[in-house]
PDB file of N, CA and C in Angstrom:
ATOM      1  N   MET A   1     -22.832   5.151 -21.505  1.00  0.00           N
ATOM      2  CA  MET A   1     -21.895   4.344 -21.657  1.00  0.00           C
ATOM      3  C   MET A   1     -21.929   3.767 -22.449  1.00  0.00           C
ATOM      4  N   ASP A   2     -20.401   2.356 -22.323  1.00  0.00           N
ATOM      5  CA  ASP A   2     -19.782   2.070 -23.360  1.00  0.00           C
ATOM      6  C   ASP A   2     -20.257   0.828 -23.028  1.00  0.00           C
ATOM      7  N   ILE A   3     -20.865  -0.123 -23.744  1.00  0.00           N
ATOM      8  CA  ILE A   3     -21.278  -1.421 -23.686  1.00  0.00           C
ATOM      9  C   ILE A   3     -19.785  -2.605 -23.549  1.00  0.00           C
ATOM     10  N   ASN A   4     -19.144  -2.666 -24.395  1.00  0.00           N
ATOM     11  CA  ASN A   4     -17.743  -3.474 -24.527  1.00  0.00           C
ATOM     12  C   ASN A   4     -17.558  -3.367 -23.292  1.00  0.00           C
ATOM     13  N   TRP A   5     -16.739  -1.814 -23.038  1.00  0.00           N
ATOM     14  CA  TRP A   5     -16.671  -1.837 -21.312  1.00  0.00           C
ATOM     15  C   TRP A   5     -16.537  -2.279 -20.190  1.00  0.00           C
ATOM     16  N   ILE A   6     -18.059  -2.168 -19.839  1.00  0.00           N
ATOM     17  CA  ILE A   6     -18.837  -2.955 -19.243  1.00  0.00           C
ATOM     18  C   ILE A   6     -19.184  -4.298 -19.473  1.00  0.00           C
ATOM     19  N   ARG A   7     -18.560  -4.675 -20.787  1.00  0.00           N
ATOM     20  CA  ARG A   7     -19.242  -6.257 -20.705  1.00  0.00           C
ATOM     21  C   ARG A   7     -17.235  -6.792 -20.228  1.00  0.00           C
ATOM     22  N   LYS A   8     -16.152  -6.287 -20.852  1.00  0.00           N
ATOM     23  CA  LYS A   8     -14.873  -5.781 -19.968  1.00  0.00           C
ATOM     24  C   LYS A   8     -14.861  -6.091 -18.309  1.00  0.00           C
ATOM     25  N   VAL A   9     -15.348  -5.192 -17.816  1.00  0.00           N
ATOM     26  CA  VAL A   9     -15.202  -4.643 -16.623  1.00  0.00           C
ATOM     27  C   VAL A   9     -15.579  -7.204 -16.279  1.00  0.00           C
ATOM     28  N   LEU A  10     -17.174  -6.679 -16.262  1.00  0.00           N
ATOM     29  CA  LEU A  10     -18.325  -7.896 -15.620  1.00  0.00           C
ATOM     30  C   LEU A  10     -17.335  -9.603 -16.531  1.00  0.00           C
ATOM     31  N   HIS A  11     -17.015  -9.602 -16.631  1.00  0.00           N
ATOM     32  CA  HIS A  11     -16.073 -10.147 -17.496  1.00  0.00           C
ATOM     33  C   HIS A  11     -14.338 -10.294 -16.328  1.00  0.00           C
ATOM     34  N   HIS A  12     -14.178  -9.403 -15.989  1.00  0.00           N
ATOM     35  CA  HIS A  12     -13.210 -10.171 -15.287  1.00  0.00           C
ATOM     36  C   HIS A  12     -12.698 -10.203 -13.706  1.00  0.00           C
ATOM     37  N   LEU A  13     -14.272  -9.132 -13.514  1.00  0.00           N
ATOM     38  CA  LEU A  13     -14.564 -10.036 -12.267  1.00  0.00           C
ATOM     39  C   LEU A  13     -15.251 -10.981 -11.748  1.00  0.00           C
ATOM     40  N   LEU A  14     -16.167 -11.250 -13.103  1.00  0.00           N
ATOM     41  CA  LEU A  14     -16.718 -12.927 -12.722  1.00  0.00           C
ATOM     42  C   LEU A  14     -15.437 -13.886 -12.941  1.00  0.00           C
ATOM     43  N   GLU A  15     -14.268 -13.492 -13.940  1.00  0.00           N
ATOM     44  CA  GLU A  15     -13.748 -14.762 -14.036  1.00  0.00           C
ATOM     45  C   GLU A  15     -12.698 -14.417 -12.207  1.00  0.00           C
ATOM     46  N   ASN A  16     -12.340 -13.415 -11.750  1.00  0.00           N
ATOM     47  CA  ASN A  16     -11.544 -13.318 -10.425  1.00  0.00           C
ATOM     48  C   ASN A  16     -12.192 -14.497  -9.229  1.00  0.00           C
ATOM     49  N   ALA A  17     -13.747 -13.894  -9.660  1.00  0.00           N
ATOM     50  CA  ALA A  17     -14.222 -14.864  -8.824  1.00  0.00           C
ATOM     51  C   ALA A  17     -14.306 -16.017  -9.047  1.00  0.00           C
ATOM     52  N   ALA A  18     -14.418 -17.153 -10.004  1.00  0.00           N
ATOM     53  CA  ALA A  18     -14.259 -18.067 -10.755  1.00  0.00           C
ATOM     54  C   ALA A  18     -12.540 -18.824  -9.806  1.00  0.00           C
ATOM     55  N   LYS A  19     -11.741 -17.535 -10.373  1.00  0.00           N
ATOM     56  CA  LYS A  19     -10.863 -18.329 -10.198  1.00  0.00           C
ATOM     57  C   LYS A  19      -9.993 -18.928  -8.922  1.00  0.00           C
ATOM     58  N   TYR A  20     -10.453 -17.388  -8.101  1.00  0.00           N
ATOM     59  CA  TYR A  20     -10.202 -17.970  -6.528  1.00  0.00           C
ATOM     60  C   TYR A  20     -11.177 -18.452  -5.678  1.00  0.00           C
ATOM     61  N   SER A  21     -12.185 -18.836  -6.001  1.00  0.00           N
ATOM     62  CA  SER A  21     -13.298 -19.092  -5.203  1.00  0.00           C
ATOM     63  C   SER A  21     -13.004 -20.807  -4.743  1.00  0.00           C
ATOM     64  N   GLU A  22     -13.457 -21.473  -4.189  1.00  0.00           N
ATOM     65  CA  GLU A  22     -13.628 -22.962  -3.685  1.00  0.00           C
ATOM     66  C   GLU A  22     -14.319 -23.994  -4.372  1.00  0.00           C
ATOM     67  N   PRO A  23     -14.059 -24.718  -5.063  1.00  0.00           N
ATOM     68  CA  PRO A  23     -14.806 -25.188  -6.245  1.00  0.00           C
ATOM     69  C   PRO A  23     -16.299 -25.150  -5.272  1.00  0.00           C
ATOM     70  N   GLY A  24     -17.418 -25.415  -6.069  1.00  0.00           N
ATOM     71  CA  GLY A  24     -18.199 -25.358  -4.951  1.00  0.00           C
ATOM     72  C   GLY A  24     -18.752 -24.519  -4.775  1.00  0.00           C
ATOM     73  N   LYS A  25     -18.660 -23.561  -4.399  1.00  0.00           N
ATOM     74  CA  LYS A  25     -19.207 -22.421  -3.243  1.00  0.00           C
ATOM     75  C   LYS A  25     -19.169 -21.037  -4.415  1.00  0.00           C
ATOM     76  N   PRO A  26     -20.294 -20.589  -3.751  1.00  0.00           N
ATOM     77  CA  PRO A  26     -21.283 -20.374  -4.341  1.00  0.00           C
ATOM     78  C   PRO A  26     -20.539 -18.957  -5.061  1.00  0.00           C
ATOM     79  N   ILE A  27     -21.167 -18.321  -6.003  1.00  0.00           N
ATOM     80  CA  ILE A  27     -20.773 -17.119  -6.867  1.00  0.00           C
ATOM     81  C   ILE A  27     -22.234 -16.149  -7.161  1.00  0.00           C
ATOM     82  N   PHE A  28     -22.203 -14.940  -6.068  1.00  0.00           N
ATOM     83  CA  PHE A  28     -23.819 -13.951  -6.150  1.00  0.00           C
ATOM     84  C   PHE A  28     -23.867 -13.049  -7.205  1.00  0.00           C
ATOM     85  N   ILE A  29     -24.377 -12.612  -7.869  1.00  0.00           N
ATOM     86  CA  ILE A  29     -24.115 -11.270  -9.091  1.00  0.00           C
ATOM     87  C   ILE A  29     -25.469 -10.875  -8.572  1.00  0.00           C
ATOM     88  N   SER A  30     -25.393  -9.536  -8.276  1.00  0.00           N
ATOM     89  CA  SER A  30     -26.495  -8.818  -7.802  1.00  0.00           C
ATOM     90  C   SER A  30     -26.567  -7.684  -8.304  1.00  0.00           C
ATOM     91  N   ALA A  31     -28.124  -7.047  -8.692  1.00  0.00           N
ATOM     92  CA  ALA A  31     -27.864  -5.862  -9.087  1.00  0.00           C
ATOM     93  C   ALA A  31     -29.074  -4.449  -8.384  1.00  0.00           C
ATOM     94  N   GLU A  32     -28.780  -3.638  -8.105  1.00  0.00           N
ATOM     95  CA  GLU A  32     -30.022  -3.140  -7.317  1.00  0.00           C
ATOM     96  C   GLU A  32     -29.896  -1.383  -7.896  1.00  0.00           C
ATOM     97  N   PHE A  33     -31.261  -0.568  -8.285  1.00  0.00           N
ATOM     98  CA  PHE A  33     -31.389   0.721  -8.727  1.00  0.00           C
ATOM     99  C   PHE A  33     -31.125   1.476  -7.394  1.00  0.00           C
ATOM    100  N   ARG A  34     -30.065   2.338  -7.040  1.00  0.00           N
ATOM    101  CA  ARG A  34     -30.011   3.167  -5.881  1.00  0.00           C
ATOM    102  C   ARG A  34     -30.299   4.923  -6.414  1.00  0.00           C
ATOM    103  N   ASP A  35     -30.543   5.393  -5.929  1.00  0.00           N
ATOM    104  CA  ASP A  35     -30.868   6.484  -6.739  1.00  0.00           C
ATOM    105  C   ASP A  35     -30.811   6.791  -7.812  1.00  0.00           C
ATOM    106  N   SER A  36     -29.466   7.510  -8.790  1.00  0.00           N
ATOM    107  CA  SER A  36     -30.029   7.897  -9.986  1.00  0.00           C
ATOM    108  C   SER A  36     -29.400   6.695 -10.791  1.00  0.00           C
ATOM    109  N   ALA A  37     -28.541   5.634  -9.895  1.00  0.00           N
ATOM    110  CA  ALA A  37     -27.754   4.752 -10.989  1.00  0.00           C
ATOM    111  C   ALA A  37     -28.086   3.193 -10.550  1.00  0.00           C
ATOM    112  N   VAL A  38     -27.525   2.464 -11.764  1.00  0.00           N
ATOM    113  CA  VAL A  38     -27.782   0.789 -11.065  1.00  0.00           C
ATOM    114  C   VAL A  38     -26.267   0.075 -10.570  1.00  0.00           C
ATOM    115  N   ILE A  39     -25.906  -0.578  -9.236  1.00  0.00           N
ATOM    116  CA  ILE A  39     -24.996  -0.924  -9.153  1.00  0.00           C
ATOM    117  C   ILE A  39     -25.123  -2.568  -8.891  1.00  0.00           C
ATOM    118  N   THR A  40     -24.128  -2.846  -9.597  1.00  0.00           N
ATOM    119  CA  THR A  40     -23.819  -4.527  -9.532  1.00  0.00           C
ATOM    120  C   THR A  40     -22.273  -4.379  -8.684  1.00  0.00           C
ATOM    121  N   SER A  41     -22.842  -6.123  -8.299  1.00  0.00           N
ATOM    122  CA  SER A  41     -21.803  -6.869  -7.556  1.00  0.00           C
ATOM    123  C   SER A  41     -22.076  -7.779  -8.234  1.00  0.00           C
ATOM    124  N   VAL A  42     -20.743  -8.172  -7.549  1.00  0.00           N
ATOM    125  CA  VAL A  42     -20.131 -10.444  -7.693  1.00  0.00           C
ATOM    126  C   VAL A  42     -19.646 -10.486  -6.130  1.00  0.00           C
ATOM    127  N   ALA A  43     -19.873 -11.032  -5.873  1.00  0.00           N
ATOM    128  CA  ALA A  43     -19.566 -11.896  -4.381  1.00  0.00           C
ATOM    129  C   ALA A  43     -18.854 -13.452  -4.402  1.00  0.00           C
ATOM    130  N   ASP A  44     -18.108 -13.557  -4.315  1.00  0.00           N
ATOM    131  CA  ASP A  44     -17.112 -14.663  -3.958  1.00  0.00           C
ATOM    132  C   ASP A  44     -17.045 -14.837  -2.673  1.00  0.00           C
ATOM    133  N   ARG A  45     -16.259 -16.161  -2.792  1.00  0.00           N
ATOM    134  CA  ARG A  45     -16.007 -16.601  -1.288  1.00  0.00           C
ATOM    135  C   ARG A  45     -14.725 -17.413  -1.174  1.00  0.00           C
ATOM    136  N   GLY A  46     -13.956 -16.452  -1.725  1.00  0.00           N
ATOM    137  CA  GLY A  46     -12.414 -16.364  -1.605  1.00  0.00           C
ATOM    138  C   GLY A  46     -11.645 -15.432  -1.958  1.00  0.00           C
ATOM    139  N   ALA A  47     -10.506 -15.272  -2.835  1.00  0.00           N
ATOM    140  CA  ALA A  47      -9.535 -14.294  -3.070  1.00  0.00           C
ATOM    141  C   ALA A  47      -8.589 -13.956  -1.772  1.00  0.00           C
ATOM    142  N   HIS A  48      -7.955 -15.438  -0.968  1.00  0.00           N
ATOM    143  CA  HIS A  48      -6.977 -15.506  -0.688  1.00  0.00           C
ATOM    144  C   HIS A  48      -6.922 -14.877   1.244  1.00  0.00           C
ATOM    145  N   GLY A  49      -8.066 -14.728   1.405  1.00  0.00           N
ATOM    146  CA  GLY A  49      -8.828 -14.167   2.629  1.00  0.00           C
ATOM    147  C   GLY A  49      -8.551 -12.193   3.272  1.00  0.00           C
ATOM    148  N   GLY A  50      -8.383 -11.724   1.525  1.00  0.00           N
ATOM    149  CA  GLY A  50      -8.474 -10.191   2.476  1.00  0.00           C
ATOM    150  C   GLY A  50      -9.165  -9.372   1.773  1.00  0.00           C
ATOM    151  N   GLN A  51      -9.138  -7.945   1.641  1.00  0.00           N
ATOM    152  CA  GLN A  51     -10.915  -7.128   0.521  1.00  0.00           C
ATOM    153  C   GLN A  51      -9.737  -7.036  -0.376  1.00  0.00           C
ATOM    154  N   VAL A  52     -10.997  -6.575  -0.932  1.00  0.00           N
ATOM    155  CA  VAL A  52     -10.332  -5.027  -2.283  1.00  0.00           C
ATOM    156  C   VAL A  52     -11.792  -3.910  -1.710  1.00  0.00           C
ATOM    157  N   GLU A  53     -10.662  -2.689  -2.588  1.00  0.00           N
ATOM    158  CA  GLU A  53     -11.575  -2.280  -2.309  1.00  0.00           C
ATOM    159  C   GLU A  53     -11.290  -0.650  -3.245  1.00  0.00           C
ATOM    160  N   VAL A  54     -12.676  -0.216  -3.667  1.00  0.00           N
ATOM    161  CA  VAL A  54     -12.265   0.556  -5.251  1.00  0.00           C
ATOM    162  C   VAL A  54     -13.185   2.184  -4.396  1.00  0.00           C
ATOM    163  N   THR A  55     -12.226   2.903  -5.103  1.00  0.00           N
ATOM    164  CA  THR A  55     -12.569   4.689  -4.611  1.00  0.00           C
ATOM    165  C   THR A  55     -12.366   5.399  -5.690  1.00  0.00           C
ATOM    166  N   SER A  56     -13.777   5.961  -6.065  1.00  0.00           N
ATOM    167  CA  SER A  56     -14.417   6.775  -7.245  1.00  0.00           C
ATOM    168  C   SER A  56     -13.681   7.930  -7.240  1.00  0.00           C
ATOM    169  N   GLN A  57     -12.705   8.693  -7.947  1.00  0.00           N
ATOM    170  CA  GLN A  57     -12.654  10.190  -7.623  1.00  0.00           C
ATOM    171  C   GLN A  57     -13.108  10.724  -9.322  1.00  0.00           C
ATOM    172  N   ARG A  58     -14.331  11.334  -8.620  1.00  0.00           N
ATOM    173  CA  ARG A  58     -15.201  11.637  -9.728  1.00  0.00           C
ATOM    174  C   ARG A  58     -14.807  13.297 -11.111  1.00  0.00           C
ATOM    175  N   GLY A  59     -13.996  11.964 -12.335  1.00  0.00           N
ATOM    176  CA  GLY A  59     -13.799  13.121 -13.141  1.00  0.00           C
ATOM    177  C   GLY A  59     -12.927  12.724 -13.461  1.00  0.00           C
ATOM    178  N   LEU A  60     -11.841  12.250 -12.433  1.00  0.00           N
ATOM    179  CA  LEU A  60     -10.846  11.458 -12.261  1.00  0.00           C
ATOM    180  C   LEU A  60     -10.179  10.046 -12.698  1.00  0.00           C
ATOM    181  N   GLY A  61     -10.670   9.012 -12.314  1.00  0.00           N
ATOM    182  CA  GLY A  61     -10.988   7.627 -12.379  1.00  0.00           C
ATOM    183  C   GLY A  61     -11.071   7.430 -11.254  1.00  0.00           C
ATOM    184  N   PHE A  62     -10.638   5.376 -10.508  1.00  0.00           N
ATOM    185  CA  PHE A  62     -10.954   4.957 -10.133  1.00  0.00           C
ATOM    186  C   PHE A  62      -9.539   5.030  -9.001  1.00  0.00           C
ATOM    187  N   VAL A  63      -9.591   4.529  -7.788  1.00  0.00           N
ATOM    188  CA  VAL A  63      -8.032   3.697  -6.971  1.00  0.00           C
ATOM    189  C   VAL A  63      -8.430   2.693  -6.859  1.00  0.00           C
ATOM    190  N   PHE A  64      -7.697   1.491  -6.783  1.00  0.00           N
ATOM    191  CA  PHE A  64      -7.858   0.318  -6.783  1.00  0.00           C
ATOM    192  C   PHE A  64      -7.076  -0.385  -5.843  1.00  0.00           C
ATOM    193  N   SER A  65      -7.494  -0.666  -4.465  1.00  0.00           N
ATOM    194  CA  SER A  65      -6.554  -1.106  -3.233  1.00  0.00           C
ATOM    195  C   SER A  65      -6.926  -2.171  -2.898  1.00  0.00           C
ATOM    196  N   PHE A  66      -6.284  -3.601  -2.356  1.00  0.00           N
ATOM    197  CA  PHE A  66      -6.141  -4.745  -1.789  1.00  0.00           C
ATOM    198  C   PHE A  66      -5.594  -4.271  -0.898  1.00  0.00           C
ATOM    199  N   SER A  67      -6.250  -5.546   0.000  1.00  0.00           N
ATOM    200  CA  SER A  67      -5.150  -5.958   1.575  1.00  0.00           C
ATOM    201  C   SER A  67      -5.538  -7.107   1.414  1.00  0.00           C
ATOM    202  N   LEU A  68      -4.211  -7.823   2.101  1.00  0.00           N
ATOM    203  CA  LEU A  68      -3.881  -9.405   2.107  1.00  0.00           C
ATOM    204  C   LEU A  68      -3.535  -9.674   4.015  1.00  0.00           C
ATOM    205  N   PRO A  69      -4.161 -10.570   4.374  1.00  0.00           N
ATOM    206  CA  PRO A  69      -3.665 -10.325   5.928  1.00  0.00           C
ATOM    207  C   PRO A  69      -1.211 -10.846   5.684  1.00  0.00           C
ATOM    208  N   ARG A  70      -1.487 -11.287   6.711  1.00  0.00           N
ATOM    209  CA  ARG A  70       0.258 -11.235   7.510  1.00  0.00           C
ATOM    210  C   ARG A  70       0.379 -12.590   7.402  1.00  0.00           C
ATOM    211  N   ALA A  71       1.237 -12.787   7.251  1.00  0.00           N
ATOM    212  CA  ALA A  71       2.214 -14.660   6.987  1.00  0.00           C
ATOM    213  C   ALA A  71       2.068 -14.792   9.033  1.00  0.00           C
TER     214      ALA A  71
END
């Protein structure tokens, strides 16, 4: 694992959580062991009412998708 890239990922996730959460709303950070991996999550209570999904394509990279509600 490249610790510098992991720092950048966590920084970006936390920065977005702080930016899009309402003031005073909690941001939850968790880590857990699952099988042979450590799963890290950042949960906020903002981000425009939409959803963000990440799909891993083993050996190829990731697909990041997001949806927003229609006006």
